Amino acid sequence: MKRTTQLMAILSLSFLILMGISCKNNQSEFVQENNSRVLVKFYRHLQFTETPYDITKGIYELSPDEAKTVNNYKFTYDAKSRLISLEYNRNGILLPYGRGAAAKVQMVYTDSTETHNYFNMKGEQIESFDKVYQSVYTLNHKGERTGLSFRNAPGEEIENSNKIASYEWEILADGMVKENRFDLGGKETILNESCPFYELRFSYDANAYVTRMANYIDDELYNCTADNCGDDGVSYFTFESNEKGALLDFKVFNIDGKYANLFFGWARFTLSLDSLGYVAERIYYNENEELIQTTSAPIMQFTYDIHGAISEIRMLDENRKPFESEKSKVSLIRYTYSEQGFPVDTIRLNKNMEQI
């Protein structure tokens, strides 16, 4: 009987220890907000995406304790597992360089809509980075996004900074997502001046990570030959992500499957990430898979402070020596922040390390 009691005590203690470990490793916490119990999660980064059709997701999760010292995206979900708030913050303080120029995005739902409202770090509703006061998604009976339109402060439909008034999406039989965009007059319009593409179709892998963005016209793959589409035209982009959904490789092809330069002068760029998912280096290549020889740096390196904020950006040439832009003369950029995480100063240096 004594041995049995001892064994039960040991098992109970082991169970409590395991429970303690489980709770400690749980990266989420439930909190009470406005008489509702909501789920809160923290992430270092956002999953890569190329279309507003995609649901915003966080990657490289943080614990609540880690979120007190690391710049993070705070995701808040309601009882239906819907994202109702996205904040860029540290230790509960909103920081002013979050997604879409807003420190906070709040989502409000009806049976057929999902409305995004944008706020600055003072809690004031503002326009997003593309001059939009509200983004209103339309949802089907499954809760899937089928469209998007934009509003100004008085609630009137408007065009965003890319002259797009609305999006329409459809999931095709082959699994691709078809995207069309329209101006206020209902005329189909391009993505933006840098990417003059009309109908786009997106492909996804088993993890729901986007793998391709392709130009289509009348159900046929299309080669864009506008001024911004390089010498041989542009037909599709491909994307490679790591196991968490962070972008590693971005390639541009024409309709013949050959590398195609965008007007920026590159046909591909690769990203090297550190163990925490931060971009350590970005390298640009031309259509011959050689480092670009343009007015832009072929290699960029990034350094971060202990909070995950960028502290330095270095521009390097093909020999990994300091590169100086012809226009700006900038080779190195340094950022400083306040103790709370607010930007304080930006210093620009040329390749001789002389301040500009």
Protein backbone atom coordinates (compact mmCIF):
# COMPACT_ATOMS: atom_id res chain seq x y z
CA MET A 1 0.00 0.00 0.00
CA LYS A 2 2.88 2.31 0.87
CA ARG A 3 4.54 1.63 -2.47
CA THR A 4 1.25 2.25 -4.26
CA THR A 5 0.84 5.58 -2.47
CA GLN A 6 4.42 6.56 -3.35
CA LEU A 7 3.89 5.57 -6.98
CA MET A 8 0.69 7.61 -7.17
CA ALA A 9 2.49 10.59 -5.67
CA ILE A 10 5.29 10.29 -8.22
CA LEU A 11 2.81 9.98 -11.10
CA SER A 12 0.85 12.98 -9.80
CA LEU A 13 4.04 15.02 -9.52
CA SER A 14 5.07 13.99 -13.04
CA PHE A 15 1.66 14.97 -14.35
CA LEU A 16 1.89 18.39 -12.69
CA ILE A 17 5.39 18.91 -14.10
CA LEU A 18 4.21 17.97 -17.60
CA MET A 19 1.23 20.27 -17.23
CA GLY A 20 3.55 23.04 -16.17
CA ILE A 21 5.75 22.48 -19.19
CA SER A 22 2.72 22.37 -21.47
CA CYS A 23 1.36 25.63 -20.08
CA LYS A 24 4.76 27.26 -20.25
CA ASN A 25 5.20 26.25 -23.90
CA ASN A 26 1.73 27.42 -24.84
CA GLN A 27 2.36 30.56 -26.90
CA SER A 28 -1.21 31.82 -26.64
CA GLU A 29 -3.17 33.37 -23.84
CA PHE A 30 -6.88 34.01 -23.29
CA VAL A 31 -7.84 37.46 -22.10
CA GLN A 32 -11.08 39.19 -21.23
CA GLU A 33 -12.00 42.10 -23.51
CA ASN A 34 -15.36 43.89 -23.61
CA ASN A 35 -17.05 41.05 -21.71
CA SER A 36 -15.72 38.52 -24.22
CA ARG A 37 -12.97 35.93 -23.90
CA VAL A 38 -10.60 36.26 -26.83
CA LEU A 39 -7.50 34.38 -27.96
CA VAL A 40 -4.27 36.39 -28.27
CA LYS A 41 -1.16 35.29 -30.16
CA PHE A 42 2.12 37.06 -30.90
CA TYR A 43 4.40 36.68 -33.92
CA ARG A 44 7.67 38.17 -35.14
CA HIS A 45 6.60 38.25 -38.79
CA LEU A 46 3.70 37.93 -41.21
CA GLN A 47 3.35 35.12 -43.72
CA PHE A 48 4.31 36.14 -47.26
CA THR A 49 1.43 36.93 -49.61
CA GLU A 50 0.89 38.66 -52.95
CA THR A 51 -2.84 39.40 -52.85
CA PRO A 52 -5.36 40.86 -50.37
CA TYR A 53 -7.41 37.71 -50.97
CA ASP A 54 -5.19 35.89 -48.47
CA ILE A 55 -6.00 35.85 -44.78
CA THR A 56 -3.30 37.57 -42.72
CA LYS A 57 -1.30 35.01 -40.75
CA GLY A 58 1.60 35.31 -38.33
CA ILE A 59 4.79 33.25 -38.38
CA TYR A 60 7.62 32.69 -35.88
CA GLU A 61 5.40 32.71 -32.83
CA LEU A 62 6.40 34.39 -29.58
CA SER A 63 5.29 33.73 -26.01
CA PRO A 64 3.49 36.54 -24.13
CA ASP A 65 6.66 37.06 -22.10
CA GLU A 66 8.82 37.34 -25.23
CA ALA A 67 6.35 39.85 -26.68
CA LYS A 68 7.26 42.20 -23.83
CA THR A 69 10.75 42.70 -25.24
CA VAL A 70 10.39 41.90 -28.97
CA ASN A 71 8.62 43.97 -31.61
CA ASN A 72 5.70 41.82 -32.67
CA TYR A 73 2.38 41.43 -34.44
CA LYS A 74 -0.36 40.84 -31.89
CA PHE A 75 -3.24 38.78 -33.30
CA THR A 76 -6.57 38.76 -31.45
CA TYR A 77 -9.23 36.20 -32.38
CA ASP A 78 -12.87 35.99 -31.36
CA ALA A 79 -14.80 32.88 -30.26
CA LYS A 80 -15.39 31.97 -33.93
CA SER A 81 -11.61 32.00 -34.59
CA ARG A 82 -11.92 35.16 -36.67
CA LEU A 83 -9.14 37.74 -36.57
CA ILE A 84 -10.62 40.85 -34.98
CA SER A 85 -7.48 42.88 -34.30
CA LEU A 86 -3.93 43.07 -35.61
CA GLU A 87 -1.49 45.30 -33.74
CA TYR A 88 2.19 46.06 -34.19
CA ASN A 89 3.57 46.57 -30.71
CA ARG A 90 6.01 45.75 -27.95
CA ASN A 91 5.02 45.24 -24.33
CA GLY A 92 1.50 46.45 -25.09
CA ILE A 93 2.69 49.73 -26.65
CA LEU A 94 1.61 50.35 -30.26
CA LEU A 95 4.51 51.11 -32.58
CA PRO A 96 4.11 53.41 -35.60
CA TYR A 97 5.56 51.20 -38.33
CA GLY A 98 3.05 48.36 -38.54
CA ARG A 99 1.21 46.84 -41.46
CA GLY A 100 -0.18 49.29 -44.01
CA ALA A 101 1.15 52.39 -42.18
CA ALA A 102 -1.25 51.60 -39.35
CA ALA A 103 -0.22 50.53 -35.88
CA LYS A 104 -3.53 48.68 -35.49
CA VAL A 105 -6.16 47.16 -37.78
CA GLN A 106 -9.57 46.25 -36.39
CA MET A 107 -11.91 43.84 -38.18
CA VAL A 108 -15.71 43.95 -37.91
CA TYR A 109 -17.85 41.13 -39.33
CA THR A 110 -21.39 40.57 -40.57
CA ASP A 111 -22.69 37.43 -42.24
CA SER A 112 -21.51 38.73 -45.62
CA THR A 113 -18.80 41.33 -44.92
CA GLU A 114 -15.45 41.79 -43.21
CA THR A 115 -14.50 45.44 -42.67
CA HIS A 116 -10.97 46.58 -41.83
CA ASN A 117 -10.47 49.86 -39.95
CA TYR A 118 -7.02 51.42 -39.52
CA PHE A 119 -5.64 53.20 -36.44
CA ASN A 120 -2.44 55.00 -35.52
CA MET A 121 -0.51 54.51 -32.28
CA LYS A 122 -2.73 57.11 -30.57
CA GLY A 123 -5.84 55.06 -31.32
CA GLU A 124 -7.09 57.49 -33.97
CA GLN A 125 -8.65 56.04 -37.11
CA ILE A 126 -6.54 56.91 -40.15
CA GLU A 127 -6.06 56.08 -43.82
CA SER A 128 -3.96 53.02 -44.64
CA PHE A 129 -0.79 53.20 -46.72
CA ASP A 130 -2.84 53.14 -49.96
CA LYS A 131 -5.07 56.06 -48.91
CA VAL A 132 -7.99 53.94 -47.76
CA TYR A 133 -10.07 54.66 -44.62
CA GLN A 134 -11.94 51.34 -44.69
CA SER A 135 -11.47 48.11 -46.63
CA VAL A 136 -14.69 46.13 -47.01
CA TYR A 137 -14.47 42.46 -48.02
CA THR A 138 -17.50 40.54 -49.25
CA LEU A 139 -17.86 36.95 -48.00
CA ASN A 140 -19.74 33.97 -49.36
CA HIS A 141 -21.78 31.56 -47.23
CA LYS A 142 -18.57 29.67 -46.34
CA GLY A 143 -16.93 32.85 -45.06
CA GLU A 144 -14.52 32.94 -48.03
CA ARG A 145 -13.51 36.28 -49.51
CA THR A 146 -15.12 36.98 -52.88
CA GLY A 147 -14.52 40.72 -53.24
CA LEU A 148 -13.05 43.89 -51.79
CA SER A 149 -13.97 47.58 -52.03
CA PHE A 150 -12.69 50.74 -50.38
CA ARG A 151 -14.30 53.62 -48.46
CA ASN A 152 -13.30 57.10 -47.36
CA ALA A 153 -14.18 58.60 -43.96
CA PRO A 154 -17.73 59.63 -45.03
CA GLY A 155 -18.32 56.02 -46.19
CA GLU A 156 -18.20 56.71 -49.94
CA GLU A 157 -16.67 54.17 -52.33
CA ILE A 158 -13.27 55.34 -53.55
CA GLU A 159 -10.23 54.19 -55.53
CA ASN A 160 -7.07 53.38 -53.61
CA SER A 161 -3.65 54.87 -54.42
CA ASN A 162 -3.31 52.40 -57.33
CA LYS A 163 -6.64 53.60 -58.80
CA ILE A 164 -8.40 50.37 -57.83
CA ALA A 165 -11.94 50.63 -56.51
CA SER A 166 -12.73 46.94 -56.14
CA TYR A 167 -11.43 43.37 -56.39
CA GLU A 168 -13.28 40.21 -57.39
CA TRP A 169 -12.06 36.67 -56.61
CA GLU A 170 -13.15 33.24 -57.75
CA ILE A 171 -11.77 29.79 -56.89
CA LEU A 172 -11.44 27.90 -60.17
CA ALA A 173 -11.89 24.18 -60.76
CA ASP A 174 -8.11 23.69 -60.93
CA GLY A 175 -7.73 25.26 -57.48
CA MET A 176 -6.24 28.53 -58.67
CA VAL A 177 -7.68 31.80 -57.38
CA LYS A 178 -8.69 34.23 -60.14
CA GLU A 179 -8.39 37.93 -59.34
CA ASN A 180 -9.81 40.88 -61.29
CA ARG A 181 -9.72 44.56 -60.34
CA PHE A 182 -11.93 47.48 -61.40
CA ASP A 183 -11.99 51.27 -61.19
CA LEU A 184 -14.98 53.28 -59.98
CA GLY A 185 -16.47 53.16 -63.44
CA GLY A 186 -16.46 49.36 -63.43
CA LYS A 187 -13.66 49.14 -65.99
CA GLU A 188 -11.06 46.42 -65.42
CA THR A 189 -7.77 47.92 -64.31
CA ILE A 190 -4.14 46.98 -63.68
CA LEU A 191 -2.53 45.99 -60.40
CA ASN A 192 -0.33 49.11 -60.34
CA GLU A 193 1.93 51.12 -62.65
CA SER A 194 4.95 48.98 -61.76
CA CYS A 195 3.02 45.77 -62.49
CA PRO A 196 0.58 46.56 -65.34
CA PHE A 197 -1.22 43.21 -65.09
CA TYR A 198 -4.98 42.75 -65.44
CA GLU A 199 -6.39 39.31 -64.59
CA LEU A 200 -4.18 37.36 -62.21
CA ARG A 201 -4.34 33.74 -61.10
CA PHE A 202 -2.69 32.53 -57.91
CA SER A 203 -1.50 29.00 -57.17
CA TYR A 204 -0.93 27.56 -53.68
CA ASP A 205 0.85 24.54 -52.23
CA ALA A 206 -0.38 22.06 -49.62
CA ASN A 207 0.50 24.53 -46.85
CA ALA A 208 -1.61 27.25 -48.50
CA TYR A 209 1.57 29.22 -49.31
CA VAL A 210 1.36 31.11 -52.59
CA THR A 211 3.70 29.61 -55.22
CA ARG A 212 2.81 31.46 -58.43
CA MET A 213 1.15 34.66 -59.67
CA ALA A 214 0.32 34.51 -63.39
CA ASN A 215 -1.14 36.87 -66.00
CA TYR A 216 -4.20 35.59 -67.88
CA ILE A 217 -6.45 36.82 -70.66
CA ASP A 218 -9.48 34.81 -71.83
CA ASP A 219 -8.31 31.70 -69.93
CA GLU A 220 -4.90 31.85 -71.62
CA LEU A 221 -1.54 32.56 -70.01
CA TYR A 222 -0.54 36.04 -71.16
CA ASN A 223 2.77 37.81 -71.76
CA CYS A 224 2.66 41.44 -70.62
CA THR A 225 4.75 43.60 -72.97
CA ALA A 226 4.06 47.01 -71.40
CA ASP A 227 6.96 49.37 -70.74
CA ASN A 228 7.46 48.08 -67.19
CA CYS A 229 7.61 44.44 -68.26
CA GLY A 230 11.20 44.32 -69.50
CA ASP A 231 12.54 43.46 -72.94
CA ASP A 232 10.89 40.06 -73.38
CA GLY A 233 7.65 40.61 -71.49
CA VAL A 234 6.48 39.17 -68.17
CA SER A 235 4.04 36.31 -67.79
CA TYR A 236 4.31 34.98 -64.24
CA PHE A 237 6.15 35.13 -60.92
CA THR A 238 7.08 32.13 -58.79
CA PHE A 239 7.65 32.13 -55.05
CA GLU A 240 9.47 29.75 -52.74
CA SER A 241 8.87 29.92 -49.00
CA ASN A 242 10.39 28.10 -46.06
CA GLU A 243 8.45 25.69 -43.88
CA LYS A 244 6.93 28.55 -41.89
CA GLY A 245 5.76 30.62 -44.86
CA ALA A 246 8.58 33.19 -45.07
CA LEU A 247 9.69 34.12 -48.59
CA LEU A 248 13.07 32.78 -49.75
CA ASP A 249 13.03 33.12 -53.55
CA PHE A 250 11.16 35.38 -56.00
CA LYS A 251 11.50 34.72 -59.76
CA VAL A 252 10.11 36.47 -62.85
CA PHE A 253 9.44 34.63 -66.14
CA ASN A 254 8.10 35.40 -69.61
CA ILE A 255 5.61 33.20 -71.40
CA ASP A 256 8.42 30.96 -72.72
CA GLY A 257 9.55 30.14 -69.21
CA LYS A 258 12.72 32.24 -69.47
CA TYR A 259 13.86 34.72 -66.86
CA ALA A 260 12.49 38.19 -67.57
CA ASN A 261 13.74 41.48 -66.15
CA LEU A 262 11.30 43.85 -64.57
CA PHE A 263 11.93 47.53 -65.20
CA PHE A 264 13.89 47.58 -61.93
CA GLY A 265 16.56 45.56 -63.74
CA TRP A 266 16.18 42.29 -61.85
CA ALA A 267 14.59 38.96 -62.73
CA ARG A 268 15.09 37.22 -59.41
CA PHE A 269 15.95 37.92 -55.81
CA THR A 270 16.80 35.56 -52.99
CA LEU A 271 16.50 36.07 -49.25
CA SER A 272 18.69 34.61 -46.52
CA LEU A 273 16.97 34.41 -43.14
CA ASP A 274 18.45 34.06 -39.70
CA SER A 275 17.18 31.53 -37.17
CA LEU A 276 14.43 33.94 -36.03
CA GLY A 277 13.11 34.60 -39.53
CA TYR A 278 14.64 38.04 -40.03
CA VAL A 279 16.03 38.82 -43.48
CA ALA A 280 19.82 38.89 -43.17
CA GLU A 281 20.58 39.38 -46.86
CA ARG A 282 18.80 40.05 -50.15
CA ILE A 283 20.53 39.40 -53.50
CA TYR A 284 19.25 40.56 -56.92
CA TYR A 285 19.94 38.77 -60.22
CA ASN A 286 19.33 39.61 -63.88
CA GLU A 287 17.89 37.34 -66.57
CA ASN A 288 21.26 35.57 -66.91
CA GLU A 289 21.28 34.77 -63.19
CA GLU A 290 24.15 37.19 -62.70
CA LEU A 291 24.18 39.88 -60.05
CA ILE A 292 22.49 42.99 -61.40
CA GLN A 293 24.65 45.80 -62.80
CA THR A 294 22.31 48.76 -62.40
CA THR A 295 21.99 51.89 -60.30
CA SER A 296 20.72 49.71 -57.44
CA ALA A 297 22.81 47.61 -55.07
CA PRO A 298 22.92 43.94 -56.06
CA ILE A 299 23.32 42.89 -52.42
CA MET A 300 21.66 44.31 -49.32
CA GLN A 301 22.46 43.20 -45.78
CA PHE A 302 20.30 43.85 -42.71
CA THR A 303 21.19 44.07 -39.02
CA TYR A 304 18.67 44.11 -36.16
CA ASP A 305 18.70 45.24 -32.54
CA ILE A 306 17.74 43.02 -29.61
CA HIS A 307 14.06 43.95 -30.11
CA GLY A 308 13.95 42.85 -33.76
CA ALA A 309 13.98 46.35 -35.26
CA ILE A 310 16.27 47.08 -38.22
CA SER A 311 19.37 48.89 -37.00
CA GLU A 312 21.45 48.91 -40.22
CA ILE A 313 21.05 48.38 -43.95
CA ARG A 314 24.24 47.92 -45.97
CA MET A 315 24.41 48.20 -49.76
CA LEU A 316 27.12 46.02 -51.33
CA ASP A 317 28.43 45.49 -54.87
CA GLU A 318 29.09 42.15 -56.58
CA ASN A 319 32.40 41.85 -54.68
CA ARG A 320 30.63 42.54 -51.36
CA LYS A 321 32.28 45.91 -51.05
CA PRO A 322 30.32 49.08 -50.16
CA PHE A 323 28.02 50.15 -52.99
CA GLU A 324 26.98 53.76 -53.41
CA SER A 325 23.79 54.70 -55.22
CA GLU A 326 24.35 57.18 -58.04
CA LYS A 327 21.33 59.25 -57.04
CA SER A 328 21.27 59.13 -53.26
CA LYS A 329 24.97 58.38 -52.68
CA VAL A 330 23.83 56.17 -49.80
CA SER A 331 25.79 53.05 -48.91
CA LEU A 332 24.78 52.52 -45.27
CA ILE A 333 21.67 53.47 -43.32
CA ARG A 334 21.54 53.40 -39.51
CA TYR A 335 18.37 53.60 -37.42
CA THR A 336 18.02 54.45 -33.74
CA TYR A 337 14.97 54.02 -31.51
CA SER A 338 13.71 55.15 -28.14
CA GLU A 339 13.55 52.77 -25.21
CA GLN A 340 9.87 52.11 -26.00
CA GLY A 341 10.63 51.29 -29.65
CA PHE A 342 9.76 54.52 -31.46
CA PRO A 343 12.05 55.67 -34.33
CA VAL A 344 14.34 58.49 -33.20
CA ASP A 345 16.91 59.10 -35.94
CA THR A 346 18.07 57.88 -39.35
CA ILE A 347 21.69 58.37 -40.42
CA ARG A 348 22.80 57.91 -44.05
CA LEU A 349 26.44 57.35 -44.97
CA ASN A 350 28.26 57.05 -48.29
CA LYS A 351 30.73 54.29 -49.09
CA ASN A 352 33.51 56.28 -47.40
CA MET A 353 31.41 56.23 -44.23
CA GLU A 354 30.83 59.97 -44.46
CA GLN A 355 27.46 61.19 -43.28
CA ILE A 356 25.18 62.58 -45.98
